[in-house]
Every structure is written in C-alpha cells, then in structure tokens.
Amino acid sequence: MCEVLQIAKSTFYYETKDEKNEDVLSAAIVEIFHKKRKAYGTLKIKVKLKEQGLVISSRRIG
C-alpha cells in the first residue's frame, strides 16, 4: 500500500501522541497559582502538577 501511495512506511504507521487537553492543563495551573495566594512560581507549580500525575515542563507552565 505504501508503494502505491508513494509514502514511507513510518508515515503510514505513525500514531500521534495523546496530548493532554490544553484547557485542562491551563485550568490546573491557574487553580494551583490562585490557591497558593499567587505566590508559587513555575518550579513549585511543576512539583504540584507532578503530584497530580501531570508531567509538564516549567517552561511550558511559564
């Protein structure tokens, strides 16, 4: 089939990664930030999200 469509096998078998819903992540970040009296920075928010099972880079949080 790949030969007929003239595409690479890796393209045919490529599966996208399930990305977390951006709204859910943003809501979680904002909730933690406001819950801690707007005193938490990206590193502390990252730790709290990791405790909840969400792994996100501090750069993305910022």
N, C-alpha and C. Protein backbone atom coordinates (compact mmCIF):
# COMPACT_ATOMS: atom_id res chain seq x y z
N MET A 1 0.82 -1.18 0.00
CA MET A 1 0.00 0.00 0.00
C MET A 1 0.87 1.26 0.00
N CYS A 2 1.96 1.23 0.75
CA CYS A 2 2.85 2.39 0.81
C CYS A 2 3.48 2.68 -0.56
N GLU A 3 3.76 1.61 -1.30
CA GLU A 3 4.33 1.80 -2.64
C GLU A 3 3.33 2.46 -3.57
N VAL A 4 2.07 2.06 -3.46
CA VAL A 4 1.03 2.64 -4.32
C VAL A 4 0.83 4.13 -3.99
N LEU A 5 0.80 4.44 -2.70
CA LEU A 5 0.60 5.83 -2.28
C LEU A 5 1.88 6.65 -2.33
N GLN A 6 3.00 5.99 -2.51
CA GLN A 6 4.32 6.60 -2.55
C GLN A 6 4.60 7.39 -1.27
N ILE A 7 4.40 6.71 -0.15
CA ILE A 7 4.72 7.29 1.15
C ILE A 7 5.62 6.32 1.91
N ALA A 8 6.33 6.83 2.88
CA ALA A 8 7.21 5.99 3.69
C ALA A 8 6.38 5.14 4.66
N LYS A 9 6.93 3.98 5.03
CA LYS A 9 6.24 3.11 5.97
C LYS A 9 6.04 3.80 7.32
N SER A 10 7.02 4.60 7.72
CA SER A 10 6.90 5.28 9.00
C SER A 10 5.73 6.26 9.00
N THR A 11 5.43 6.86 7.87
CA THR A 11 4.29 7.77 7.77
C THR A 11 2.98 7.00 7.91
N PHE A 12 2.94 5.82 7.31
CA PHE A 12 1.73 5.00 7.36
C PHE A 12 1.43 4.52 8.78
N TYR A 13 2.49 4.14 9.51
CA TYR A 13 2.31 3.59 10.84
C TYR A 13 2.39 4.64 11.95
N TYR A 14 2.57 5.89 11.56
CA TYR A 14 2.70 6.96 12.55
C TYR A 14 1.42 7.11 13.35
N GLU A 15 1.56 7.19 14.68
CA GLU A 15 0.44 7.43 15.57
C GLU A 15 0.75 8.68 16.38
N THR A 16 -0.20 9.58 16.44
CA THR A 16 0.02 10.78 17.21
C THR A 16 -0.03 10.46 18.70
N LYS A 17 0.74 11.20 19.45
CA LYS A 17 0.74 11.03 20.89
C LYS A 17 -0.51 11.71 21.43
N ASP A 18 -1.08 11.11 22.46
CA ASP A 18 -2.25 11.72 23.09
C ASP A 18 -1.78 12.90 23.93
N GLU A 19 -2.12 14.08 23.48
CA GLU A 19 -1.75 15.27 24.23
C GLU A 19 -2.87 15.61 25.20
N LYS A 20 -2.46 16.06 26.36
CA LYS A 20 -3.44 16.48 27.35
C LYS A 20 -4.21 17.67 26.81
N ASN A 21 -5.43 17.77 27.16
CA ASN A 21 -6.24 18.88 26.73
C ASN A 21 -5.67 20.17 27.32
N GLU A 22 -5.41 21.14 26.46
CA GLU A 22 -4.81 22.40 26.89
C GLU A 22 -5.65 23.11 27.95
N ASP A 23 -6.97 23.03 27.81
CA ASP A 23 -7.84 23.69 28.77
C ASP A 23 -7.70 23.07 30.16
N VAL A 24 -7.57 21.77 30.21
CA VAL A 24 -7.42 21.07 31.49
C VAL A 24 -6.09 21.47 32.15
N LEU A 25 -5.03 21.51 31.36
CA LEU A 25 -3.72 21.89 31.90
C LEU A 25 -3.73 23.34 32.39
N SER A 26 -4.28 24.22 31.58
CA SER A 26 -4.32 25.63 31.96
C SER A 26 -5.15 25.83 33.22
N ALA A 27 -6.26 25.14 33.31
CA ALA A 27 -7.12 25.25 34.49
C ALA A 27 -6.39 24.76 35.74
N ALA A 28 -5.65 23.66 35.60
CA ALA A 28 -4.91 23.11 36.75
C ALA A 28 -3.82 24.08 37.20
N ILE A 29 -3.13 24.68 36.25
CA ILE A 29 -2.05 25.63 36.58
C ILE A 29 -2.63 26.86 37.28
N VAL A 30 -3.69 27.41 36.73
CA VAL A 30 -4.30 28.61 37.31
C VAL A 30 -4.87 28.31 38.70
N GLU A 31 -5.47 27.13 38.85
CA GLU A 31 -6.03 26.75 40.15
C GLU A 31 -4.95 26.68 41.22
N ILE A 32 -3.83 26.05 40.91
CA ILE A 32 -2.73 25.95 41.87
C ILE A 32 -2.19 27.34 42.19
N PHE A 33 -2.04 28.16 41.17
CA PHE A 33 -1.49 29.50 41.35
C PHE A 33 -2.36 30.34 42.28
N HIS A 34 -3.67 30.31 42.06
CA HIS A 34 -4.58 31.10 42.89
C HIS A 34 -4.78 30.50 44.27
N LYS A 35 -4.73 29.18 44.35
CA LYS A 35 -4.92 28.51 45.64
C LYS A 35 -3.78 28.85 46.61
N LYS A 36 -2.61 29.06 46.08
CA LYS A 36 -1.43 29.36 46.92
C LYS A 36 -1.16 30.86 46.98
N ARG A 37 -2.21 31.64 46.88
CA ARG A 37 -2.17 33.10 47.05
C ARG A 37 -1.23 33.79 46.06
N LYS A 38 -1.15 33.26 44.87
CA LYS A 38 -0.36 33.82 43.77
C LYS A 38 1.12 33.95 44.14
N ALA A 39 1.59 33.05 44.98
CA ALA A 39 2.98 33.10 45.44
C ALA A 39 3.84 32.00 44.83
N TYR A 40 3.24 31.02 44.16
CA TYR A 40 4.00 29.92 43.60
C TYR A 40 4.55 30.30 42.23
N GLY A 41 5.80 29.93 42.01
CA GLY A 41 6.43 30.10 40.72
C GLY A 41 6.30 28.84 39.90
N THR A 42 6.97 28.81 38.76
CA THR A 42 6.84 27.68 37.84
C THR A 42 7.37 26.39 38.44
N LEU A 43 8.45 26.46 39.20
CA LEU A 43 9.02 25.23 39.75
C LEU A 43 8.11 24.58 40.78
N LYS A 44 7.53 25.39 41.66
CA LYS A 44 6.62 24.83 42.66
C LYS A 44 5.33 24.33 42.02
N ILE A 45 4.86 25.03 41.00
CA ILE A 45 3.67 24.57 40.29
C ILE A 45 3.96 23.25 39.60
N LYS A 46 5.16 23.12 39.04
CA LYS A 46 5.54 21.87 38.38
C LYS A 46 5.53 20.70 39.35
N VAL A 47 6.01 20.92 40.57
CA VAL A 47 6.02 19.87 41.59
C VAL A 47 4.60 19.46 41.95
N LYS A 48 3.72 20.45 42.13
CA LYS A 48 2.32 20.15 42.48
C LYS A 48 1.62 19.40 41.35
N LEU A 49 1.89 19.77 40.10
CA LEU A 49 1.28 19.06 38.97
C LEU A 49 1.80 17.63 38.88
N LYS A 50 3.08 17.45 39.20
CA LYS A 50 3.66 16.10 39.18
C LYS A 50 3.02 15.22 40.24
N GLU A 51 2.67 15.81 41.38
CA GLU A 51 1.96 15.07 42.43
C GLU A 51 0.58 14.62 41.95
N GLN A 52 -0.03 15.39 41.04
CA GLN A 52 -1.33 15.06 40.49
C GLN A 52 -1.23 14.12 39.29
N GLY A 53 0.00 13.80 38.88
CA GLY A 53 0.19 12.89 37.76
C GLY A 53 0.34 13.56 36.42
N LEU A 54 0.50 14.87 36.40
CA LEU A 54 0.69 15.62 35.16
C LEU A 54 2.14 16.05 35.05
N VAL A 55 2.82 15.62 34.01
CA VAL A 55 4.22 15.97 33.81
C VAL A 55 4.29 17.02 32.71
N ILE A 56 4.69 18.23 33.11
CA ILE A 56 4.77 19.35 32.20
C ILE A 56 6.07 20.10 32.51
N SER A 57 6.72 20.63 31.49
CA SER A 57 7.94 21.37 31.72
C SER A 57 7.64 22.72 32.36
N SER A 58 8.59 23.21 33.13
CA SER A 58 8.38 24.51 33.77
C SER A 58 8.34 25.62 32.73
N ARG A 59 8.99 25.42 31.62
CA ARG A 59 8.95 26.41 30.53
C ARG A 59 7.54 26.52 29.97
N ARG A 60 6.86 25.41 29.83
CA ARG A 60 5.50 25.41 29.33
C ARG A 60 4.55 26.03 30.35
N ILE A 61 4.79 25.81 31.62
CA ILE A 61 3.99 26.40 32.67
C ILE A 61 4.11 27.92 32.64
N GLY A 62 5.34 28.39 32.46
CA GLY A 62 5.59 29.83 32.42
C GLY A 62 4.91 30.47 31.26
